[in-house]
N, C-alpha and C. Protein backbone atom coordinates (compact mmCIF):
# COMPACT_ATOMS: atom_id res chain seq x y z
N MET A 1 -17.51 3.85 -3.74
CA MET A 1 -16.87 2.66 -3.23
C MET A 1 -17.76 1.96 -2.22
N ALA A 2 -18.97 2.37 -2.07
CA ALA A 2 -19.86 1.94 -1.00
C ALA A 2 -19.71 0.49 -0.59
N GLU A 3 -20.24 -0.44 -1.35
CA GLU A 3 -20.14 -1.84 -0.96
C GLU A 3 -19.28 -2.64 -1.93
N ASP A 4 -18.54 -1.96 -2.80
CA ASP A 4 -17.67 -2.64 -3.74
C ASP A 4 -16.53 -3.30 -2.98
N ASN A 5 -16.14 -4.46 -3.46
CA ASN A 5 -14.96 -5.12 -2.92
C ASN A 5 -13.77 -4.70 -3.76
N LEU A 6 -12.70 -4.30 -3.13
CA LEU A 6 -11.48 -3.98 -3.85
C LEU A 6 -10.61 -5.22 -3.90
N ILE A 7 -9.98 -5.39 -5.05
CA ILE A 7 -9.03 -6.49 -5.21
C ILE A 7 -7.65 -5.88 -5.21
N PHE A 8 -6.80 -6.35 -4.29
CA PHE A 8 -5.46 -5.82 -4.17
C PHE A 8 -4.47 -6.78 -4.82
N TYR A 9 -3.65 -6.24 -5.69
CA TYR A 9 -2.58 -7.01 -6.31
C TYR A 9 -1.27 -6.64 -5.62
N GLU A 10 -0.24 -7.42 -5.89
CA GLU A 10 1.03 -7.22 -5.21
C GLU A 10 1.55 -5.79 -5.33
N GLU A 11 1.42 -5.21 -6.50
CA GLU A 11 1.90 -3.84 -6.73
C GLU A 11 1.20 -2.84 -5.80
N GLU A 12 -0.12 -2.99 -5.65
CA GLU A 12 -0.87 -2.08 -4.78
C GLU A 12 -0.52 -2.32 -3.31
N ILE A 13 -0.38 -3.57 -2.92
CA ILE A 13 0.01 -3.86 -1.53
C ILE A 13 1.37 -3.27 -1.23
N ASN A 14 2.29 -3.33 -2.19
CA ASN A 14 3.62 -2.73 -1.99
C ASN A 14 3.51 -1.22 -1.78
N LYS A 15 2.64 -0.55 -2.54
CA LYS A 15 2.42 0.90 -2.36
C LYS A 15 1.84 1.18 -0.97
N ILE A 16 0.86 0.39 -0.59
CA ILE A 16 0.21 0.56 0.71
C ILE A 16 1.21 0.33 1.83
N ASP A 17 1.99 -0.75 1.72
CA ASP A 17 3.00 -1.04 2.74
C ASP A 17 4.03 0.08 2.86
N ALA A 18 4.43 0.66 1.72
CA ALA A 18 5.41 1.75 1.75
C ALA A 18 4.83 2.97 2.47
N LEU A 19 3.56 3.28 2.22
CA LEU A 19 2.92 4.42 2.89
C LEU A 19 2.83 4.18 4.39
N ILE A 20 2.45 2.97 4.77
CA ILE A 20 2.32 2.66 6.19
C ILE A 20 3.68 2.65 6.88
N SER A 21 4.69 2.11 6.22
CA SER A 21 6.05 2.11 6.80
C SER A 21 6.55 3.53 7.02
N LYS A 22 6.30 4.41 6.05
CA LYS A 22 6.69 5.81 6.17
C LYS A 22 5.99 6.46 7.37
N MET A 23 4.71 6.14 7.55
CA MET A 23 3.96 6.68 8.69
C MET A 23 4.55 6.18 10.01
N LEU A 24 4.86 4.89 10.08
CA LEU A 24 5.42 4.32 11.31
C LEU A 24 6.72 5.01 11.70
N LYS A 25 7.57 5.24 10.72
CA LYS A 25 8.85 5.92 11.01
C LYS A 25 8.62 7.34 11.50
N GLY A 26 7.76 8.07 10.79
CA GLY A 26 7.50 9.46 11.16
C GLY A 26 6.86 9.59 12.53
N ALA A 27 5.89 8.73 12.81
CA ALA A 27 5.16 8.80 14.08
C ALA A 27 5.87 8.07 15.20
N GLU A 28 6.91 7.31 14.88
CA GLU A 28 7.64 6.49 15.84
C GLU A 28 6.72 5.51 16.56
N ALA A 29 5.80 4.92 15.78
CA ALA A 29 4.86 3.94 16.32
C ALA A 29 5.43 2.53 16.21
N LYS A 30 4.84 1.60 16.92
CA LYS A 30 5.31 0.22 16.95
C LYS A 30 4.89 -0.56 15.70
N CYS A 31 3.60 -0.46 15.36
CA CYS A 31 3.10 -1.21 14.22
C CYS A 31 1.79 -0.61 13.74
N ALA A 32 1.37 -1.06 12.56
CA ALA A 32 0.11 -0.59 12.01
C ALA A 32 -0.54 -1.73 11.21
N LEU A 33 -1.85 -1.72 11.21
CA LEU A 33 -2.63 -2.68 10.44
C LEU A 33 -3.59 -1.90 9.56
N LEU A 34 -3.86 -2.44 8.39
CA LEU A 34 -4.93 -1.93 7.56
C LEU A 34 -5.96 -3.05 7.49
N VAL A 35 -7.17 -2.73 7.93
CA VAL A 35 -8.23 -3.72 8.10
C VAL A 35 -9.45 -3.25 7.31
N ASP A 36 -10.17 -4.18 6.66
CA ASP A 36 -11.42 -3.75 6.05
C ASP A 36 -12.51 -3.79 7.12
N LYS A 37 -13.63 -3.14 6.85
CA LYS A 37 -14.68 -3.02 7.86
C LYS A 37 -15.34 -4.34 8.19
N ASP A 38 -15.09 -5.37 7.36
CA ASP A 38 -15.61 -6.71 7.65
C ASP A 38 -14.69 -7.47 8.60
N GLY A 39 -13.54 -6.88 8.94
CA GLY A 39 -12.64 -7.51 9.90
C GLY A 39 -11.51 -8.31 9.27
N HIS A 40 -11.33 -8.19 7.96
CA HIS A 40 -10.24 -8.90 7.29
C HIS A 40 -8.99 -8.04 7.26
N LEU A 41 -7.88 -8.65 7.59
CA LEU A 41 -6.60 -7.95 7.57
C LEU A 41 -6.17 -7.77 6.12
N ILE A 42 -5.90 -6.53 5.73
CA ILE A 42 -5.41 -6.25 4.37
C ILE A 42 -3.89 -6.34 4.36
N THR A 43 -3.25 -5.64 5.29
CA THR A 43 -1.79 -5.69 5.41
C THR A 43 -1.38 -5.21 6.80
N ARG A 44 -0.12 -5.45 7.13
CA ARG A 44 0.41 -5.03 8.43
C ARG A 44 1.87 -4.66 8.25
N GLN A 45 2.34 -3.78 9.08
CA GLN A 45 3.73 -3.33 9.05
C GLN A 45 4.20 -3.11 10.49
N GLY A 46 5.50 -3.22 10.68
CA GLY A 46 6.06 -2.97 12.00
C GLY A 46 6.21 -4.26 12.80
N PHE A 47 6.28 -4.09 14.11
CA PHE A 47 6.51 -5.22 15.01
C PHE A 47 5.20 -5.90 15.36
N THR A 48 4.77 -6.82 14.50
CA THR A 48 3.49 -7.51 14.71
C THR A 48 3.67 -8.98 15.05
N HIS A 49 4.91 -9.45 15.16
CA HIS A 49 5.15 -10.88 15.36
C HIS A 49 4.54 -11.42 16.65
N SER A 50 4.37 -10.61 17.65
CA SER A 50 3.81 -11.09 18.92
C SER A 50 2.29 -10.92 19.00
N LEU A 51 1.68 -10.40 17.93
CA LEU A 51 0.24 -10.15 17.92
C LEU A 51 -0.50 -11.19 17.08
N ASP A 52 -1.68 -11.54 17.51
CA ASP A 52 -2.57 -12.34 16.67
C ASP A 52 -3.34 -11.35 15.80
N THR A 53 -2.74 -10.99 14.67
CA THR A 53 -3.29 -9.91 13.85
C THR A 53 -4.64 -10.27 13.22
N THR A 54 -4.88 -11.54 12.99
CA THR A 54 -6.17 -11.95 12.42
C THR A 54 -7.30 -11.69 13.42
N ALA A 55 -7.11 -12.12 14.65
CA ALA A 55 -8.12 -11.88 15.69
C ALA A 55 -8.23 -10.39 15.99
N LEU A 56 -7.10 -9.71 16.05
CA LEU A 56 -7.09 -8.28 16.33
C LEU A 56 -7.87 -7.52 15.25
N ALA A 57 -7.67 -7.88 13.99
CA ALA A 57 -8.37 -7.21 12.89
C ALA A 57 -9.89 -7.36 13.04
N ALA A 58 -10.32 -8.57 13.35
CA ALA A 58 -11.76 -8.82 13.51
C ALA A 58 -12.33 -8.03 14.69
N LEU A 59 -11.61 -8.02 15.80
CA LEU A 59 -12.08 -7.29 16.99
C LEU A 59 -12.10 -5.78 16.78
N LEU A 60 -11.09 -5.26 16.09
CA LEU A 60 -11.04 -3.82 15.81
C LEU A 60 -12.19 -3.39 14.90
N ALA A 61 -12.48 -4.20 13.90
CA ALA A 61 -13.62 -3.90 13.02
C ALA A 61 -14.92 -3.95 13.81
N GLY A 62 -15.03 -4.91 14.71
CA GLY A 62 -16.21 -4.99 15.57
C GLY A 62 -16.34 -3.79 16.47
N SER A 63 -15.22 -3.31 16.98
CA SER A 63 -15.20 -2.12 17.81
C SER A 63 -15.71 -0.91 17.03
N PHE A 64 -15.27 -0.79 15.79
CA PHE A 64 -15.73 0.32 14.95
C PHE A 64 -17.22 0.19 14.67
N ALA A 65 -17.69 -1.03 14.41
CA ALA A 65 -19.11 -1.23 14.12
C ALA A 65 -19.98 -0.85 15.32
N SER A 66 -19.57 -1.26 16.52
CA SER A 66 -20.37 -0.93 17.71
C SER A 66 -20.31 0.57 18.00
N THR A 67 -19.17 1.17 17.76
CA THR A 67 -19.04 2.61 17.98
C THR A 67 -19.89 3.39 16.98
N LYS A 68 -20.06 2.85 15.79
CA LYS A 68 -20.92 3.50 14.80
C LYS A 68 -22.36 3.57 15.33
N GLU A 69 -22.81 2.53 15.98
CA GLU A 69 -24.15 2.51 16.56
C GLU A 69 -24.26 3.51 17.71
N ILE A 70 -23.20 3.62 18.51
CA ILE A 70 -23.18 4.62 19.59
C ILE A 70 -23.27 6.02 18.99
N ALA A 71 -22.52 6.25 17.92
CA ALA A 71 -22.55 7.56 17.26
C ALA A 71 -23.97 7.91 16.82
N LYS A 72 -24.67 6.94 16.25
CA LYS A 72 -26.05 7.19 15.81
C LYS A 72 -26.94 7.59 16.98
N LEU A 73 -26.73 6.94 18.12
CA LEU A 73 -27.54 7.26 19.30
C LEU A 73 -27.34 8.68 19.79
N VAL A 74 -26.16 9.25 19.55
CA VAL A 74 -25.90 10.62 19.98
C VAL A 74 -26.02 11.61 18.83
N GLY A 75 -26.54 11.14 17.70
CA GLY A 75 -26.81 12.05 16.58
C GLY A 75 -25.68 12.26 15.60
N GLU A 76 -24.66 11.44 15.65
CA GLU A 76 -23.55 11.53 14.69
C GLU A 76 -23.69 10.38 13.69
N PRO A 77 -23.32 10.61 12.44
CA PRO A 77 -23.38 9.51 11.47
C PRO A 77 -22.35 8.42 11.79
N GLU A 78 -21.18 8.85 12.26
CA GLU A 78 -20.10 7.90 12.56
C GLU A 78 -18.98 8.66 13.24
N PHE A 79 -18.25 7.99 14.10
CA PHE A 79 -17.02 8.56 14.65
C PHE A 79 -15.89 8.06 13.75
N SER A 80 -15.14 8.97 13.18
CA SER A 80 -14.12 8.57 12.20
C SER A 80 -12.79 8.20 12.83
N VAL A 81 -12.59 8.57 14.10
CA VAL A 81 -11.34 8.27 14.80
C VAL A 81 -11.67 7.71 16.18
N LEU A 82 -10.98 6.64 16.55
CA LEU A 82 -11.11 6.06 17.89
C LEU A 82 -9.73 5.97 18.51
N PHE A 83 -9.67 6.10 19.82
CA PHE A 83 -8.40 6.02 20.53
C PHE A 83 -8.61 5.22 21.80
N HIS A 84 -7.75 4.23 22.00
CA HIS A 84 -7.76 3.43 23.23
C HIS A 84 -6.41 3.62 23.91
N GLN A 85 -6.45 4.03 25.18
CA GLN A 85 -5.22 4.27 25.92
C GLN A 85 -5.03 3.17 26.95
N GLY A 86 -3.87 2.54 26.91
CA GLY A 86 -3.53 1.52 27.88
C GLY A 86 -2.42 2.01 28.79
N LYS A 87 -1.93 1.13 29.66
CA LYS A 87 -0.84 1.52 30.56
C LYS A 87 0.45 1.76 29.79
N LYS A 88 0.74 0.87 28.81
CA LYS A 88 1.98 1.06 28.06
C LYS A 88 1.75 1.14 26.55
N ASP A 89 0.72 0.52 26.04
CA ASP A 89 0.43 0.57 24.61
C ASP A 89 -0.92 1.24 24.36
N HIS A 90 -1.00 1.93 23.23
CA HIS A 90 -2.21 2.66 22.88
C HIS A 90 -2.57 2.32 21.43
N ILE A 91 -3.84 2.47 21.10
CA ILE A 91 -4.31 2.17 19.76
C ILE A 91 -5.07 3.37 19.21
N HIS A 92 -4.68 3.77 18.02
CA HIS A 92 -5.37 4.84 17.29
C HIS A 92 -5.97 4.21 16.04
N MET A 93 -7.27 4.39 15.85
CA MET A 93 -7.95 3.83 14.68
C MET A 93 -8.64 4.96 13.93
N SER A 94 -8.53 4.93 12.60
CA SER A 94 -9.21 5.94 11.79
C SER A 94 -9.72 5.30 10.51
N ILE A 95 -10.85 5.81 10.06
CA ILE A 95 -11.46 5.30 8.83
C ILE A 95 -10.70 5.84 7.64
N VAL A 96 -10.46 4.96 6.67
CA VAL A 96 -9.82 5.33 5.41
C VAL A 96 -10.83 5.01 4.31
N GLY A 97 -11.32 6.05 3.64
CA GLY A 97 -12.33 5.81 2.62
C GLY A 97 -13.61 5.30 3.26
N GLU A 98 -14.28 4.41 2.56
CA GLU A 98 -15.55 3.88 3.06
C GLU A 98 -15.44 2.46 3.60
N ARG A 99 -14.33 1.77 3.34
CA ARG A 99 -14.28 0.36 3.66
C ARG A 99 -13.11 -0.08 4.53
N SER A 100 -12.21 0.83 4.88
CA SER A 100 -11.00 0.40 5.58
C SER A 100 -10.75 1.19 6.86
N ILE A 101 -9.99 0.54 7.74
CA ILE A 101 -9.62 1.14 9.02
C ILE A 101 -8.10 1.06 9.16
N LEU A 102 -7.47 2.20 9.40
CA LEU A 102 -6.05 2.24 9.66
C LEU A 102 -5.85 2.19 11.17
N VAL A 103 -5.12 1.20 11.63
CA VAL A 103 -4.90 0.98 13.06
C VAL A 103 -3.41 1.18 13.35
N VAL A 104 -3.11 2.05 14.31
CA VAL A 104 -1.72 2.31 14.69
C VAL A 104 -1.58 1.97 16.17
N ILE A 105 -0.63 1.11 16.46
CA ILE A 105 -0.34 0.74 17.84
C ILE A 105 0.98 1.41 18.23
N PHE A 106 0.98 2.13 19.34
CA PHE A 106 2.16 2.88 19.74
C PHE A 106 2.28 2.89 21.25
N ASP A 107 3.46 3.31 21.72
CA ASP A 107 3.71 3.39 23.16
C ASP A 107 4.10 4.81 23.54
N ASP A 108 4.67 4.98 24.70
CA ASP A 108 4.97 6.31 25.21
C ASP A 108 6.21 6.97 24.58
N ARG A 109 6.84 6.30 23.61
CA ARG A 109 7.96 6.93 22.90
C ARG A 109 7.48 8.05 21.98
N THR A 110 6.18 8.08 21.71
CA THR A 110 5.60 9.12 20.85
C THR A 110 4.33 9.66 21.50
N THR A 111 3.69 10.59 20.83
CA THR A 111 2.48 11.18 21.38
C THR A 111 1.29 10.91 20.47
N ILE A 112 0.10 11.02 21.03
CA ILE A 112 -1.11 10.84 20.23
C ILE A 112 -1.17 11.88 19.12
N GLY A 113 -0.67 13.07 19.38
CA GLY A 113 -0.67 14.12 18.37
C GLY A 113 0.16 13.75 17.15
N MET A 114 1.33 13.20 17.38
CA MET A 114 2.18 12.76 16.26
C MET A 114 1.50 11.64 15.48
N VAL A 115 0.93 10.69 16.20
CA VAL A 115 0.25 9.58 15.54
C VAL A 115 -0.92 10.09 14.72
N ARG A 116 -1.72 10.98 15.29
CA ARG A 116 -2.88 11.53 14.56
C ARG A 116 -2.45 12.26 13.31
N LEU A 117 -1.39 13.06 13.41
CA LEU A 117 -0.89 13.81 12.27
C LEU A 117 -0.48 12.88 11.13
N TYR A 118 0.37 11.90 11.44
CA TYR A 118 0.86 11.00 10.41
C TYR A 118 -0.25 10.06 9.91
N ALA A 119 -1.15 9.65 10.77
CA ALA A 119 -2.25 8.80 10.34
C ALA A 119 -3.19 9.55 9.39
N LYS A 120 -3.42 10.82 9.67
CA LYS A 120 -4.28 11.63 8.81
C LYS A 120 -3.66 11.78 7.42
N GLU A 121 -2.36 12.08 7.36
CA GLU A 121 -1.66 12.20 6.08
C GLU A 121 -1.68 10.88 5.32
N THR A 122 -1.42 9.80 6.02
CA THR A 122 -1.38 8.49 5.39
C THR A 122 -2.76 8.08 4.90
N SER A 123 -3.79 8.39 5.66
CA SER A 123 -5.16 8.08 5.23
C SER A 123 -5.50 8.76 3.91
N ALA A 124 -5.09 10.02 3.77
CA ALA A 124 -5.36 10.75 2.52
C ALA A 124 -4.63 10.08 1.35
N GLU A 125 -3.39 9.68 1.57
CA GLU A 125 -2.63 9.01 0.51
C GLU A 125 -3.22 7.64 0.20
N LEU A 126 -3.68 6.92 1.22
CA LEU A 126 -4.30 5.61 0.99
C LEU A 126 -5.60 5.75 0.20
N ARG A 127 -6.39 6.79 0.49
CA ARG A 127 -7.62 7.01 -0.27
C ARG A 127 -7.33 7.18 -1.76
N LYS A 128 -6.23 7.87 -2.08
CA LYS A 128 -5.84 8.02 -3.49
C LYS A 128 -5.51 6.67 -4.10
N VAL A 129 -4.78 5.84 -3.37
CA VAL A 129 -4.42 4.51 -3.86
C VAL A 129 -5.70 3.69 -4.08
N PHE A 130 -6.64 3.75 -3.14
CA PHE A 130 -7.89 3.01 -3.28
C PHE A 130 -8.69 3.47 -4.49
N THR A 131 -8.71 4.77 -4.72
CA THR A 131 -9.42 5.32 -5.88
C THR A 131 -8.77 4.82 -7.17
N ASP A 132 -7.44 4.82 -7.21
CA ASP A 132 -6.74 4.31 -8.39
C ASP A 132 -7.04 2.84 -8.61
N ILE A 133 -7.06 2.06 -7.53
CA ILE A 133 -7.36 0.63 -7.64
C ILE A 133 -8.77 0.44 -8.17
N GLN A 134 -9.71 1.17 -7.62
CA GLN A 134 -11.10 1.03 -8.05
C GLN A 134 -11.26 1.40 -9.52
N ASN A 135 -10.63 2.50 -9.93
CA ASN A 135 -10.71 2.90 -11.34
C ASN A 135 -10.06 1.89 -12.26
N SER A 136 -8.93 1.35 -11.84
CA SER A 136 -8.24 0.34 -12.64
C SER A 136 -9.05 -0.95 -12.72
N ASP A 137 -9.70 -1.34 -11.61
CA ASP A 137 -10.56 -2.53 -11.63
C ASP A 137 -11.74 -2.33 -12.58
N ARG A 138 -12.32 -1.14 -12.59
CA ARG A 138 -13.43 -0.86 -13.51
C ARG A 138 -12.97 -0.96 -14.95
N ASP A 139 -11.79 -0.40 -15.23
CA ASP A 139 -11.26 -0.46 -16.60
C ASP A 139 -11.02 -1.90 -17.02
N LYS A 140 -10.42 -2.69 -16.13
CA LYS A 140 -10.17 -4.10 -16.44
C LYS A 140 -11.48 -4.84 -16.62
N GLN A 141 -12.44 -4.59 -15.73
CA GLN A 141 -13.72 -5.28 -15.79
C GLN A 141 -14.47 -4.95 -17.08
N SER A 142 -14.51 -3.67 -17.45
CA SER A 142 -15.23 -3.30 -18.66
C SER A 142 -14.53 -3.86 -19.89
N GLY A 143 -13.21 -3.95 -19.87
CA GLY A 143 -12.47 -4.55 -20.98
C GLY A 143 -12.76 -6.03 -21.12
N ILE A 144 -12.82 -6.74 -20.01
CA ILE A 144 -13.11 -8.17 -20.03
C ILE A 144 -14.53 -8.39 -20.51
N ASP A 145 -15.46 -7.62 -20.00
CA ASP A 145 -16.86 -7.79 -20.38
C ASP A 145 -17.08 -7.53 -21.86
N SER A 146 -16.48 -6.48 -22.41
CA SER A 146 -16.70 -6.16 -23.81
C SER A 146 -16.02 -7.19 -24.71
N ASP A 147 -14.83 -7.66 -24.32
CA ASP A 147 -14.17 -8.72 -25.10
C ASP A 147 -14.99 -10.00 -25.07
N PHE A 148 -15.45 -10.36 -23.90
CA PHE A 148 -16.25 -11.57 -23.75
C PHE A 148 -17.54 -11.47 -24.57
N ALA A 149 -18.18 -10.32 -24.50
CA ALA A 149 -19.44 -10.12 -25.23
C ALA A 149 -19.20 -10.24 -26.73
N ALA A 150 -18.12 -9.66 -27.22
CA ALA A 150 -17.81 -9.74 -28.66
C ALA A 150 -17.54 -11.18 -29.09
N GLN A 151 -16.76 -11.89 -28.28
CA GLN A 151 -16.45 -13.29 -28.60
C GLN A 151 -17.70 -14.15 -28.54
N ALA A 152 -18.53 -13.93 -27.54
CA ALA A 152 -19.77 -14.70 -27.41
C ALA A 152 -20.69 -14.43 -28.60
N GLU A 153 -20.78 -13.19 -28.99
CA GLU A 153 -21.63 -12.84 -30.14
C GLU A 153 -21.13 -13.52 -31.41
N ASP A 154 -19.81 -13.53 -31.62
CA ASP A 154 -19.23 -14.21 -32.79
C ASP A 154 -19.54 -15.70 -32.77
N LYS A 155 -19.39 -16.33 -31.62
CA LYS A 155 -19.66 -17.77 -31.50
C LYS A 155 -21.14 -18.07 -31.78
N LEU A 156 -22.03 -17.26 -31.22
CA LEU A 156 -23.46 -17.46 -31.45
C LEU A 156 -23.81 -17.28 -32.92
N ASP A 157 -23.21 -16.29 -33.57
CA ASP A 157 -23.43 -16.09 -35.00
C ASP A 157 -22.99 -17.32 -35.77
N ASP A 158 -21.81 -17.88 -35.42
CA ASP A 158 -21.32 -19.07 -36.09
C ASP A 158 -22.27 -20.25 -35.91
N ILE A 159 -22.79 -20.42 -34.68
CA ILE A 159 -23.68 -21.55 -34.40
C ILE A 159 -24.98 -21.45 -35.17
N PHE A 160 -25.59 -20.27 -35.19
CA PHE A 160 -26.92 -20.12 -35.76
C PHE A 160 -26.90 -19.84 -37.26
N GLN A 161 -25.75 -19.60 -37.87
CA GLN A 161 -25.70 -19.38 -39.31
C GLN A 161 -25.59 -20.68 -40.07
N ASP A 162 -25.23 -21.74 -39.43
CA ASP A 162 -25.10 -23.03 -40.12
C ASP A 162 -26.39 -23.73 -40.30
């Protein structure tokens, strides 16, 4: 999945949203975002109405990118989990697959341990969804390419046989 772009359809977003909603309930967190490493918001769940999620997604991805460089300086390939603690709200970020970041915003009604547990489980389930999406995209792409190639070949045969 290195630099491939995933295309999400409504069905996949619904699966992703259901997984994130389940995590929010279990962890008793306020909200969660799924962001790609380029800073684009994939989806969000929970109480996000007061947040500028577009700006937040870009800044969180930037935070992960800068932390990746810090990791290299200390001899690590990457830090897969980041945690920011505030006075009342906290942010837990973890890498999902190779291209996405799961962000959970929570307060003192829960603990970092609960958030980490549920985020880890959800990340594993999201990786499966991403793998299914990638495999399905490959199947669709190869089907389109082979159909197109066959049709193009037929048209060229028609043109040059006359």
